[in-house]
Amino acid sequence: MSGAIRELTTEGRHPRAQGLDELSPLALVTLMNEVDAEVIPAVRAATPAIAAAIEAIAERLRAGGRMIYFGAGTSGRLGMLDAAECQPTFDADESMVLARMAGGTEAFRRAAEGVEDSPAAGATDASTLGVRRTDAVIGLAASGRTPYVLGALAHAREAGALTVSVACVQGSETGRAAEIAIEVVTGPEILSGSTRLKAGTAQKMVLNMLSTGVMTQLGRVHDHLMVEMRATNAKLRARALSIVAEIAGVPDMTARRAIEACRGALKPACLVAAKGLTPDEAAALLAECGGRLRTALARAEAGPKQA
C-alpha cells in the first residue's frame, strides 16, 4: 500500500479487523453490525453542514435550477440511485434532479474504476450538462480526492453554480473545492479499503437527508406524507388514496373522486376533497402558496365536503 493511500483514514486497518477470514458467518455479521454503528455518530457530527446544504440547494431549485450529483464507483452509483428515487417519491424528473458518474451509465452496472482518474472527464460531463449559476452541484467521493469529482466541482464553480461536497475524510480536497463541505469521518473499514461499506452507508444516509430535506423545503412533503408521489402501481395508488383521505379527513370514495378529478395530482386533490374547490381553483391556490399544501389549506375558504 502506497504512502499516499495509507494516509487516507478510509484505507487504514480497523482495530477489530484482524482475523476476519477466520470468523464464522454469525461472528462476521455480528462484527459488521457492530462496526456499522460507528456511522450514526459520524453522520450526526456533519448535520450542521448537511442542513446548510439543504437550504442552499433549495434556494437554487426555487430559482429554476437543478440538483446534480457527480461521483465515481460506489459514490457515483449512490448518486444515481438517489436521483432516480426522487422521481417516484417527489415527482422530480431528470430536469430537476440528475446524476452523472465516471464512465457513464455503463459503469453503474459494470465497474470501470480507472475512468475516475480524469478531472477533464468530470469537467466535460459538467459542461455537457450545461451547468449554470442556478444549479447546485454535489460532488460525491468517499476518499475526498477523486479527480473526476474535482474536475466537475471546478467547472461548476467557474459557472457560478452552488458546489457541495460529500466525503468520508476530514480536510478533503473535494471539501476545499466546494462552498459547502460535508465530511462524515467514518474511519477504516472492516474490509480494508472497501468504502462500499461504512463510507457507502454514510453517503447514502447523507443523500437521503439532502434530497428529502430539499424536497420538503420545496413543498413536496406535507406533514409526514409524500404528497407529490407518482402512483404508478397498485400499491402506490392505494397509498395515494390513503394520503388524500388522511389529509382531507374524508372517506376513501371521496378521496378517490378528488384524485380522479385532479388527474392523479394529490395536493390539489386534498383541497378539492377537504375544501370543496374545483381542480382549477385548487391548482391556482397552490400556485399562489408556492406549492405548499399546508399554506393552501389554511388559506382556503371552508366549504362543504363532498359526500
C-alpha atoms as a PDB file:
ATOM      1  CA  MET A   1       0.000   0.000   0.000  1.00  0.00           C
ATOM      2  CA  SER A   2       1.490   3.320  -1.058  1.00  0.00           C
ATOM      3  CA  GLY A   3       2.133   6.081   1.423  1.00  0.00           C
ATOM      4  CA  ALA A   4      -0.427   8.329  -0.279  1.00  0.00           C
ATOM      5  CA  ILE A   5      -3.137   5.700   0.066  1.00  0.00           C
ATOM      6  CA  ARG A   6      -2.129   4.860   3.626  1.00  0.00           C
ATOM      7  CA  GLU A   7      -2.725   8.476   4.638  1.00  0.00           C
ATOM      8  CA  LEU A   8      -6.457   8.111   3.962  1.00  0.00           C
ATOM      9  CA  THR A   9      -8.385   7.065   7.059  1.00  0.00           C
ATOM     10  CA  THR A  10     -10.777   5.137   4.822  1.00  0.00           C
ATOM     11  CA  GLU A  11      -7.827   2.963   3.729  1.00  0.00           C
ATOM     12  CA  GLY A  12      -6.482   2.134   7.184  1.00  0.00           C
ATOM     13  CA  ARG A  13      -6.844  -1.062   9.199  1.00  0.00           C
ATOM     14  CA  HIS A  14      -9.801  -1.248  11.530  1.00  0.00           C
ATOM     15  CA  PRO A  15      -8.708  -2.268  15.045  1.00  0.00           C
ATOM     16  CA  ARG A  16     -11.247  -5.121  15.046  1.00  0.00           C
ATOM     17  CA  ALA A  17     -10.487  -6.437  11.560  1.00  0.00           C
ATOM     18  CA  GLN A  18      -7.708  -8.894  12.426  1.00  0.00           C
ATOM     19  CA  GLY A  19      -8.593 -12.480  11.501  1.00  0.00           C
ATOM     20  CA  LEU A  20     -11.735 -11.550   9.589  1.00  0.00           C
ATOM     21  CA  ASP A  21     -11.333 -14.573   7.324  1.00  0.00           C
ATOM     22  CA  GLU A  22     -11.355 -16.927  10.329  1.00  0.00           C
ATOM     23  CA  LEU A  23     -14.732 -15.833  11.682  1.00  0.00           C
ATOM     24  CA  SER A  24     -17.904 -17.863  11.411  1.00  0.00           C
ATOM     25  CA  PRO A  25     -20.708 -16.294   9.348  1.00  0.00           C
ATOM     26  CA  LEU A  26     -22.566 -15.335  12.533  1.00  0.00           C
ATOM     27  CA  ALA A  27     -19.456 -13.825  14.118  1.00  0.00           C
ATOM     28  CA  LEU A  28     -18.707 -11.956  10.874  1.00  0.00           C
ATOM     29  CA  VAL A  29     -22.129 -10.362  10.504  1.00  0.00           C
ATOM     30  CA  THR A  30     -22.257  -9.566  14.228  1.00  0.00           C
ATOM     31  CA  LEU A  31     -18.930  -7.762  13.944  1.00  0.00           C
ATOM     32  CA  MET A  32     -20.026  -5.894  10.809  1.00  0.00           C
ATOM     33  CA  ASN A  33     -23.237  -4.828  12.509  1.00  0.00           C
ATOM     34  CA  GLU A  34     -21.317  -3.503  15.497  1.00  0.00           C
ATOM     35  CA  VAL A  35     -18.854  -1.637  13.270  1.00  0.00           C
ATOM     36  CA  ASP A  36     -21.708  -0.134  11.227  1.00  0.00           C
ATOM     37  CA  ALA A  37     -22.890   1.540  14.426  1.00  0.00           C
ATOM     38  CA  GLU A  38     -19.903   3.887  14.028  1.00  0.00           C
ATOM     39  CA  VAL A  39     -21.664   5.522  11.072  1.00  0.00           C
ATOM     40  CA  ILE A  40     -24.514   7.105  13.058  1.00  0.00           C
ATOM     41  CA  PRO A  41     -22.421   9.469  15.229  1.00  0.00           C
ATOM     42  CA  ALA A  42     -20.230  10.307  12.235  1.00  0.00           C
ATOM     43  CA  VAL A  43     -23.252  11.480  10.260  1.00  0.00           C
ATOM     44  CA  ARG A  44     -24.645  13.276  13.302  1.00  0.00           C
ATOM     45  CA  ALA A  45     -21.471  15.347  13.551  1.00  0.00           C
ATOM     46  CA  ALA A  46     -21.989  16.539   9.975  1.00  0.00           C
ATOM     47  CA  THR A  47     -25.638  17.577  10.348  1.00  0.00           C
ATOM     48  CA  PRO A  48     -24.944  21.358  10.510  1.00  0.00           C
ATOM     49  CA  ALA A  49     -23.243  21.194   7.108  1.00  0.00           C
ATOM     50  CA  ILE A  50     -25.996  18.962   5.727  1.00  0.00           C
ATOM     51  CA  ALA A  51     -28.659  21.422   6.891  1.00  0.00           C
ATOM     52  CA  ALA A  52     -26.766  24.342   5.327  1.00  0.00           C
ATOM     53  CA  ALA A  53     -26.564  22.434   2.049  1.00  0.00           C
ATOM     54  CA  ILE A  54     -30.307  21.722   2.090  1.00  0.00           C
ATOM     55  CA  GLU A  55     -31.126  25.428   2.469  1.00  0.00           C
ATOM     56  CA  ALA A  56     -28.702  26.485  -0.257  1.00  0.00           C
ATOM     57  CA  ILE A  57     -29.762  23.768  -2.720  1.00  0.00           C
ATOM     58  CA  ALA A  58     -33.470  24.508  -2.202  1.00  0.00           C
ATOM     59  CA  GLU A  59     -32.812  28.172  -2.953  1.00  0.00           C
ATOM     60  CA  ARG A  60     -31.231  27.234  -6.291  1.00  0.00           C
ATOM     61  CA  LEU A  61     -34.083  24.910  -7.229  1.00  0.00           C
ATOM     62  CA  ARG A  62     -36.666  27.579  -6.412  1.00  0.00           C
ATOM     63  CA  ALA A  63     -34.895  29.738  -8.983  1.00  0.00           C
ATOM     64  CA  GLY A  64     -35.357  27.021 -11.602  1.00  0.00           C
ATOM     65  CA  GLY A  65     -32.012  25.308 -11.141  1.00  0.00           C
ATOM     66  CA  ARG A  66     -31.117  21.652 -10.897  1.00  0.00           C
ATOM     67  CA  MET A  67     -29.622  19.370  -8.258  1.00  0.00           C
ATOM     68  CA  ILE A  68     -26.800  17.412  -9.922  1.00  0.00           C
ATOM     69  CA  TYR A  69     -24.708  14.624  -8.369  1.00  0.00           C
ATOM     70  CA  PHE A  70     -21.230  13.767  -9.656  1.00  0.00           C
ATOM     71  CA  GLY A  71     -19.352  10.708  -8.403  1.00  0.00           C
ATOM     72  CA  ALA A  72     -17.350   7.626  -9.288  1.00  0.00           C
ATOM     73  CA  GLY A  73     -17.587   3.995  -8.246  1.00  0.00           C
ATOM     74  CA  THR A  74     -19.839   3.377  -5.255  1.00  0.00           C
ATOM     75  CA  SER A  75     -20.263   7.113  -4.658  1.00  0.00           C
ATOM     76  CA  GLY A  76     -21.413   7.639  -8.236  1.00  0.00           C
ATOM     77  CA  ARG A  77     -23.859   4.733  -8.057  1.00  0.00           C
ATOM     78  CA  LEU A  78     -25.353   6.109  -4.853  1.00  0.00           C
ATOM     79  CA  GLY A  79     -25.841   9.479  -6.537  1.00  0.00           C
ATOM     80  CA  MET A  80     -27.580   7.860  -9.483  1.00  0.00           C
ATOM     81  CA  LEU A  81     -29.774   5.851  -7.114  1.00  0.00           C
ATOM     82  CA  ASP A  82     -30.848   8.916  -5.154  1.00  0.00           C
ATOM     83  CA  ALA A  83     -31.599  10.891  -8.299  1.00  0.00           C
ATOM     84  CA  ALA A  84     -33.676   8.032  -9.706  1.00  0.00           C
ATOM     85  CA  GLU A  85     -35.624   7.606  -6.476  1.00  0.00           C
ATOM     86  CA  CYS A  86     -36.551  11.301  -6.374  1.00  0.00           C
ATOM     87  CA  GLN A  87     -38.709  10.700  -9.448  1.00  0.00           C
ATOM     88  CA  PRO A  88     -41.410   8.422  -7.950  1.00  0.00           C
ATOM     89  CA  THR A  89     -41.096   9.815  -4.415  1.00  0.00           C
ATOM     90  CA  PHE A  90     -41.290  13.539  -5.163  1.00  0.00           C
ATOM     91  CA  ASP A  91     -42.320  13.681  -8.835  1.00  0.00           C
ATOM     92  CA  ALA A  92     -38.924  15.241  -9.532  1.00  0.00           C
ATOM     93  CA  ASP A  93     -37.852  14.205 -13.006  1.00  0.00           C
ATOM     94  CA  GLU A  94     -34.395  14.421 -14.530  1.00  0.00           C
ATOM     95  CA  SER A  95     -34.890  18.074 -15.334  1.00  0.00           C
ATOM     96  CA  MET A  96     -34.692  18.747 -11.580  1.00  0.00           C
ATOM     97  CA  VAL A  97     -32.527  16.022 -10.004  1.00  0.00           C
ATOM     98  CA  LEU A  98     -29.947  14.133 -12.022  1.00  0.00           C
ATOM     99  CA  ALA A  99     -26.633  12.372 -11.633  1.00  0.00           C
ATOM    100  CA  ARG A 100     -23.527  11.599 -13.613  1.00  0.00           C
ATOM    101  CA  MET A 101     -20.811   9.118 -12.770  1.00  0.00           C
ATOM    102  CA  ALA A 102     -17.365   8.493 -14.190  1.00  0.00           C
ATOM    103  CA  GLY A 103     -17.690   6.093 -17.099  1.00  0.00           C
ATOM    104  CA  GLY A 104     -21.353   6.850 -17.715  1.00  0.00           C
ATOM    105  CA  THR A 105     -24.353   4.632 -17.078  1.00  0.00           C
ATOM    106  CA  GLU A 106     -22.470   1.527 -18.209  1.00  0.00           C
ATOM    107  CA  ALA A 107     -20.172   1.965 -15.185  1.00  0.00           C
ATOM    108  CA  PHE A 108     -23.210   1.637 -12.907  1.00  0.00           C
ATOM    109  CA  ARG A 109     -23.622  -1.977 -13.985  1.00  0.00           C
ATOM    110  CA  ARG A 110     -20.003  -2.900 -14.593  1.00  0.00           C
ATOM    111  CA  ALA A 111     -17.157  -1.407 -12.561  1.00  0.00           C
ATOM    112  CA  ALA A 112     -14.829   0.855 -14.551  1.00  0.00           C
ATOM    113  CA  GLU A 113     -12.589   2.166 -11.812  1.00  0.00           C
ATOM    114  CA  GLY A 114      -9.876   3.716 -13.994  1.00  0.00           C
ATOM    115  CA  VAL A 115     -12.160   6.335 -15.513  1.00  0.00           C
ATOM    116  CA  GLU A 116     -12.396   8.229 -12.220  1.00  0.00           C
ATOM    117  CA  ASP A 117      -8.783   9.416 -12.567  1.00  0.00           C
ATOM    118  CA  SER A 118      -9.556  12.145 -15.107  1.00  0.00           C
ATOM    119  CA  PRO A 119     -10.541  15.621 -13.865  1.00  0.00           C
ATOM    120  CA  ALA A 120     -11.090  16.578 -17.504  1.00  0.00           C
ATOM    121  CA  ALA A 121     -13.805  13.931 -17.783  1.00  0.00           C
ATOM    122  CA  GLY A 122     -15.653  15.426 -14.835  1.00  0.00           C
ATOM    123  CA  ALA A 123     -15.374  18.915 -16.270  1.00  0.00           C
ATOM    124  CA  THR A 124     -16.556  17.675 -19.657  1.00  0.00           C
ATOM    125  CA  ASP A 125     -19.608  15.968 -18.167  1.00  0.00           C
ATOM    126  CA  ALA A 126     -20.481  19.145 -16.256  1.00  0.00           C
ATOM    127  CA  SER A 127     -20.031  21.214 -19.412  1.00  0.00           C
ATOM    128  CA  THR A 128     -22.166  18.821 -21.466  1.00  0.00           C
ATOM    129  CA  LEU A 129     -24.969  19.202 -18.924  1.00  0.00           C
ATOM    130  CA  GLY A 130     -24.721  22.961 -19.272  1.00  0.00           C
ATOM    131  CA  VAL A 131     -24.135  23.569 -15.565  1.00  0.00           C
ATOM    132  CA  ARG A 132     -25.128  27.150 -14.807  1.00  0.00           C
ATOM    133  CA  ARG A 133     -25.427  29.655 -11.969  1.00  0.00           C
ATOM    134  CA  THR A 134     -28.837  28.443 -10.785  1.00  0.00           C
ATOM    135  CA  ASP A 135     -27.683  24.815 -10.411  1.00  0.00           C
ATOM    136  CA  ALA A 136     -26.433  23.006  -7.325  1.00  0.00           C
ATOM    137  CA  VAL A 137     -23.627  20.519  -7.977  1.00  0.00           C
ATOM    138  CA  ILE A 138     -22.900  17.877  -5.347  1.00  0.00           C
ATOM    139  CA  GLY A 139     -19.572  16.047  -5.608  1.00  0.00           C
ATOM    140  CA  LEU A 140     -19.526  12.583  -4.014  1.00  0.00           C
ATOM    141  CA  ALA A 141     -16.192  10.955  -3.135  1.00  0.00           C
ATOM    142  CA  ALA A 142     -15.533   8.751  -0.118  1.00  0.00           C
ATOM    143  CA  SER A 143     -11.806   9.482  -0.383  1.00  0.00           C
ATOM    144  CA  GLY A 144     -12.446  13.188  -0.819  1.00  0.00           C
ATOM    145  CA  ARG A 145      -9.983  13.438  -3.686  1.00  0.00           C
ATOM    146  CA  THR A 146     -11.420  11.671  -6.757  1.00  0.00           C
ATOM    147  CA  PRO A 147     -10.097  13.551  -9.827  1.00  0.00           C
ATOM    148  CA  TYR A 148     -13.349  13.146 -11.806  1.00  0.00           C
ATOM    149  CA  VAL A 149     -15.318  14.789  -8.995  1.00  0.00           C
ATOM    150  CA  LEU A 150     -12.735  17.547  -8.538  1.00  0.00           C
ATOM    151  CA  GLY A 151     -12.990  18.344 -12.244  1.00  0.00           C
ATOM    152  CA  ALA A 152     -16.782  18.577 -12.075  1.00  0.00           C
ATOM    153  CA  LEU A 153     -16.648  20.814  -8.991  1.00  0.00           C
ATOM    154  CA  ALA A 154     -14.065  23.100 -10.582  1.00  0.00           C
ATOM    155  CA  HIS A 155     -16.190  23.563 -13.693  1.00  0.00           C
ATOM    156  CA  ALA A 156     -19.303  24.165 -11.588  1.00  0.00           C
ATOM    157  CA  ARG A 157     -17.594  26.871  -9.550  1.00  0.00           C
ATOM    158  CA  GLU A 158     -16.401  28.601 -12.721  1.00  0.00           C
ATOM    159  CA  ALA A 159     -20.003  28.536 -13.960  1.00  0.00           C
ATOM    160  CA  GLY A 160     -21.193  30.138 -10.717  1.00  0.00           C
ATOM    161  CA  ALA A 161     -23.174  27.106  -9.554  1.00  0.00           C
ATOM    162  CA  LEU A 162     -23.503  26.198  -5.880  1.00  0.00           C
ATOM    163  CA  THR A 163     -20.968  23.490  -5.032  1.00  0.00           C
ATOM    164  CA  VAL A 164     -21.330  20.926  -2.241  1.00  0.00           C
ATOM    165  CA  SER A 165     -19.016  18.037  -1.439  1.00  0.00           C
ATOM    166  CA  VAL A 166     -19.706  14.809   0.425  1.00  0.00           C
ATOM    167  CA  ALA A 167     -16.607  12.950   1.638  1.00  0.00           C
ATOM    168  CA  CYS A 168     -15.728  10.462   4.349  1.00  0.00           C
ATOM    169  CA  VAL A 169     -12.443  12.032   5.452  1.00  0.00           C
ATOM    170  CA  GLN A 170     -11.631  15.271   7.215  1.00  0.00           C
ATOM    171  CA  GLY A 171      -9.928  18.149   5.392  1.00  0.00           C
ATOM    172  CA  SER A 172     -10.743  16.648   1.999  1.00  0.00           C
ATOM    173  CA  GLU A 173      -9.674  18.048  -1.348  1.00  0.00           C
ATOM    174  CA  THR A 174     -13.273  17.991  -2.530  1.00  0.00           C
ATOM    175  CA  GLY A 175     -14.258  19.892   0.604  1.00  0.00           C
ATOM    176  CA  ARG A 176     -11.729  22.612  -0.186  1.00  0.00           C
ATOM    177  CA  ALA A 177     -13.039  22.750  -3.750  1.00  0.00           C
ATOM    178  CA  ALA A 178     -16.667  23.273  -2.681  1.00  0.00           C
ATOM    179  CA  GLU A 179     -18.576  26.065  -0.959  1.00  0.00           C
ATOM    180  CA  ILE A 180     -20.161  23.638   1.499  1.00  0.00           C
ATOM    181  CA  ALA A 181     -18.155  20.644   2.691  1.00  0.00           C
ATOM    182  CA  ILE A 182     -19.997  17.708   4.224  1.00  0.00           C
ATOM    183  CA  GLU A 183     -17.351  15.468   5.798  1.00  0.00           C
ATOM    184  CA  VAL A 184     -18.585  12.308   7.504  1.00  0.00           C
ATOM    185  CA  VAL A 185     -15.477  10.746   9.028  1.00  0.00           C
ATOM    186  CA  THR A 186     -16.243   7.029   9.034  1.00  0.00           C
ATOM    187  CA  GLY A 187     -12.698   5.755   9.590  1.00  0.00           C
ATOM    188  CA  PRO A 188     -11.236   2.418   8.451  1.00  0.00           C
ATOM    189  CA  GLU A 189     -13.470  -0.283   7.012  1.00  0.00           C
ATOM    190  CA  ILE A 190     -13.750  -3.781   8.448  1.00  0.00           C
ATOM    191  CA  LEU A 191     -12.637  -4.928   4.987  1.00  0.00           C
ATOM    192  CA  SER A 192      -9.731  -2.554   4.494  1.00  0.00           C
ATOM    193  CA  GLY A 193     -10.357  -0.011   1.756  1.00  0.00           C
ATOM    194  CA  SER A 194     -13.819  -1.285   0.827  1.00  0.00           C
ATOM    195  CA  THR A 195     -15.628   2.034   1.014  1.00  0.00           C
ATOM    196  CA  ARG A 196     -18.876   0.481  -0.214  1.00  0.00           C
ATOM    197  CA  LEU A 197     -19.292  -0.498   3.457  1.00  0.00           C
ATOM    198  CA  LYS A 198     -19.343   2.189   6.202  1.00  0.00           C
ATOM    199  CA  ALA A 199     -18.468   5.012   3.833  1.00  0.00           C
ATOM    200  CA  GLY A 200     -21.163   3.897   1.396  1.00  0.00           C
ATOM    201  CA  THR A 201     -23.722   3.664   4.187  1.00  0.00           C
ATOM    202  CA  ALA A 202     -22.790   7.136   5.419  1.00  0.00           C
ATOM    203  CA  GLN A 203     -23.091   8.648   1.947  1.00  0.00           C
ATOM    204  CA  LYS A 204     -26.490   7.000   1.437  1.00  0.00           C
ATOM    205  CA  MET A 205     -27.671   8.496   4.728  1.00  0.00           C
ATOM    206  CA  VAL A 206     -26.430  11.950   3.717  1.00  0.00           C
ATOM    207  CA  LEU A 207     -28.115  11.705   0.326  1.00  0.00           C
ATOM    208  CA  ASN A 208     -31.358  10.615   1.991  1.00  0.00           C
ATOM    209  CA  MET A 209     -31.173  13.751   4.136  1.00  0.00           C
ATOM    210  CA  LEU A 210     -30.247  16.056   1.273  1.00  0.00           C
ATOM    211  CA  SER A 211     -32.950  15.011  -1.173  1.00  0.00           C
ATOM    212  CA  THR A 212     -35.681  14.602   1.442  1.00  0.00           C
ATOM    213  CA  GLY A 213     -34.759  17.906   3.070  1.00  0.00           C
ATOM    214  CA  VAL A 214     -34.640  19.810  -0.208  1.00  0.00           C
ATOM    215  CA  MET A 215     -37.952  18.401  -1.424  1.00  0.00           C
ATOM    216  CA  THR A 216     -39.563  19.195   1.913  1.00  0.00           C
ATOM    217  CA  GLN A 217     -38.333  22.784   1.631  1.00  0.00           C
ATOM    218  CA  LEU A 218     -39.893  22.927  -1.833  1.00  0.00           C
ATOM    219  CA  GLY A 219     -43.306  21.887  -0.509  1.00  0.00           C
ATOM    220  CA  ARG A 220     -43.244  18.368  -1.948  1.00  0.00           C
ATOM    221  CA  VAL A 221     -43.910  16.886   1.504  1.00  0.00           C
ATOM    222  CA  HIS A 222     -46.881  17.591   3.773  1.00  0.00           C
ATOM    223  CA  ASP A 223     -46.565  16.515   7.386  1.00  0.00           C
ATOM    224  CA  HIS A 224     -45.046  13.021   7.035  1.00  0.00           C
ATOM    225  CA  LEU A 225     -46.678  12.303   3.675  1.00  0.00           C
ATOM    226  CA  MET A 226     -45.412  12.138   0.082  1.00  0.00           C
ATOM    227  CA  VAL A 227     -47.960  14.463  -1.500  1.00  0.00           C
ATOM    228  CA  GLU A 228     -46.220  14.574  -4.888  1.00  0.00           C
ATOM    229  CA  MET A 229     -45.523  10.861  -5.291  1.00  0.00           C
ATOM    230  CA  ARG A 230     -46.272   9.138  -8.588  1.00  0.00           C
ATOM    231  CA  ALA A 231     -48.987   6.496  -8.193  1.00  0.00           C
ATOM    232  CA  THR A 232     -47.727   4.140 -10.890  1.00  0.00           C
ATOM    233  CA  ASN A 233     -48.800   0.768  -9.485  1.00  0.00           C
ATOM    234  CA  ALA A 234     -51.487  -0.764  -7.274  1.00  0.00           C
ATOM    235  CA  LYS A 235     -49.507  -0.302  -4.061  1.00  0.00           C
ATOM    236  CA  LEU A 236     -48.823   3.357  -4.789  1.00  0.00           C
ATOM    237  CA  ARG A 237     -52.404   4.029  -5.869  1.00  0.00           C
ATOM    238  CA  ALA A 238     -53.574   2.656  -2.524  1.00  0.00           C
ATOM    239  CA  ARG A 239     -51.024   4.861  -0.761  1.00  0.00           C
ATOM    240  CA  ALA A 240     -52.184   7.915  -2.731  1.00  0.00           C
ATOM    241  CA  LEU A 241     -55.765   7.230  -1.719  1.00  0.00           C
ATOM    242  CA  SER A 242     -54.839   6.962   1.961  1.00  0.00           C
ATOM    243  CA  ILE A 243     -52.790  10.183   1.768  1.00  0.00           C
ATOM    244  CA  VAL A 244     -55.665  12.259   0.402  1.00  0.00           C
ATOM    245  CA  ALA A 245     -58.196  10.658   2.746  1.00  0.00           C
ATOM    246  CA  GLU A 246     -55.962  11.341   5.766  1.00  0.00           C
ATOM    247  CA  ILE A 247     -55.134  14.941   4.921  1.00  0.00           C
ATOM    248  CA  ALA A 248     -58.663  15.891   3.846  1.00  0.00           C
ATOM    249  CA  GLY A 249     -60.374  13.875   6.564  1.00  0.00           C
ATOM    250  CA  VAL A 250     -62.791  12.271   4.100  1.00  0.00           C
ATOM    251  CA  PRO A 251     -63.894   8.722   3.188  1.00  0.00           C
ATOM    252  CA  ASP A 252     -61.912   6.784   0.609  1.00  0.00           C
ATOM    253  CA  MET A 253     -64.634   7.201  -2.031  1.00  0.00           C
ATOM    254  CA  THR A 254     -64.477  10.997  -1.729  1.00  0.00           C
ATOM    255  CA  ALA A 255     -60.681  10.908  -1.885  1.00  0.00           C
ATOM    256  CA  ARG A 256     -60.802   8.684  -4.978  1.00  0.00           C
ATOM    257  CA  ARG A 257     -63.154  11.035  -6.816  1.00  0.00           C
ATOM    258  CA  ALA A 258     -60.947  14.016  -5.961  1.00  0.00           C
ATOM    259  CA  ILE A 259     -57.828  12.233  -7.213  1.00  0.00           C
ATOM    260  CA  GLU A 260     -59.578  11.332 -10.455  1.00  0.00           C
ATOM    261  CA  ALA A 261     -60.823  14.904 -10.891  1.00  0.00           C
ATOM    262  CA  CYS A 262     -57.258  16.191 -10.426  1.00  0.00           C
ATOM    263  CA  ARG A 263     -55.784  13.578 -12.787  1.00  0.00           C
ATOM    264  CA  GLY A 264     -53.729  11.950 -10.077  1.00  0.00           C
ATOM    265  CA  ALA A 265     -52.242  15.138  -8.557  1.00  0.00           C
ATOM    266  CA  LEU A 266     -52.514  14.674  -4.807  1.00  0.00           C
ATOM    267  CA  LYS A 267     -52.089  18.217  -3.472  1.00  0.00           C
ATOM    268  CA  PRO A 268     -54.967  19.726  -5.448  1.00  0.00           C
ATOM    269  CA  ALA A 269     -56.984  16.587  -4.713  1.00  0.00           C
ATOM    270  CA  CYS A 270     -56.587  17.298  -0.994  1.00  0.00           C
ATOM    271  CA  LEU A 271     -58.000  20.791  -1.489  1.00  0.00           C
ATOM    272  CA  VAL A 272     -60.856  19.517  -3.660  1.00  0.00           C
ATOM    273  CA  ALA A 273     -61.771  16.861  -1.094  1.00  0.00           C
ATOM    274  CA  ALA A 274     -61.265  18.979   2.030  1.00  0.00           C
ATOM    275  CA  LYS A 275     -62.488  22.405   0.926  1.00  0.00           C
ATOM    276  CA  GLY A 276     -64.862  21.751  -1.975  1.00  0.00           C
ATOM    277  CA  LEU A 277     -62.729  23.636  -4.506  1.00  0.00           C
ATOM    278  CA  THR A 278     -62.687  22.815  -8.186  1.00  0.00           C
ATOM    279  CA  PRO A 279     -59.466  21.315  -9.558  1.00  0.00           C
ATOM    280  CA  ASP A 280     -58.654  24.621 -11.290  1.00  0.00           C
ATOM    281  CA  GLU A 281     -59.279  26.605  -8.108  1.00  0.00           C
ATOM    282  CA  ALA A 282     -57.096  24.203  -6.143  1.00  0.00           C
ATOM    283  CA  ALA A 283     -54.261  24.450  -8.661  1.00  0.00           C
ATOM    284  CA  ALA A 284     -54.426  28.251  -8.664  1.00  0.00           C
ATOM    285  CA  LEU A 285     -54.404  28.435  -4.876  1.00  0.00           C
ATOM    286  CA  LEU A 286     -51.403  26.124  -4.673  1.00  0.00           C
ATOM    287  CA  ALA A 287     -49.544  28.294  -7.177  1.00  0.00           C
ATOM    288  CA  GLU A 288     -50.278  31.363  -5.022  1.00  0.00           C
ATOM    289  CA  CYS A 289     -48.921  29.500  -1.988  1.00  0.00           C
ATOM    290  CA  GLY A 290     -45.684  28.416  -3.647  1.00  0.00           C
ATOM    291  CA  GLY A 291     -46.861  24.836  -3.852  1.00  0.00           C
ATOM    292  CA  ARG A 292     -47.128  24.417  -0.086  1.00  0.00           C
ATOM    293  CA  LEU A 293     -50.248  22.434   0.744  1.00  0.00           C
ATOM    294  CA  ARG A 294     -50.297  23.439   4.412  1.00  0.00           C
ATOM    295  CA  THR A 295     -50.452  27.115   3.469  1.00  0.00           C
ATOM    296  CA  ALA A 296     -53.114  26.489   0.839  1.00  0.00           C
ATOM    297  CA  LEU A 297     -55.291  24.534   3.262  1.00  0.00           C
ATOM    298  CA  ALA A 298     -55.054  27.353   5.795  1.00  0.00           C
ATOM    299  CA  ARG A 299     -55.997  29.968   3.211  1.00  0.00           C
ATOM    300  CA  ALA A 300     -58.808  28.091   1.523  1.00  0.00           C
ATOM    301  CA  GLU A 301     -62.307  29.130   2.407  1.00  0.00           C
ATOM    302  CA  ALA A 302     -64.127  26.390   4.248  1.00  0.00           C
ATOM    303  CA  GLY A 303     -66.699  24.692   2.079  1.00  0.00           C
ATOM    304  CA  PRO A 304     -68.920  21.634   2.311  1.00  0.00           C
ATOM    305  CA  LYS A 305     -67.073  18.361   1.923  1.00  0.00           C
ATOM    306  CA  GLN A 306     -68.160  16.220  -0.981  1.00  0.00           C
ATOM    307  CA  ALA A 307     -70.392  13.325   0.035  1.00  0.00           C
END
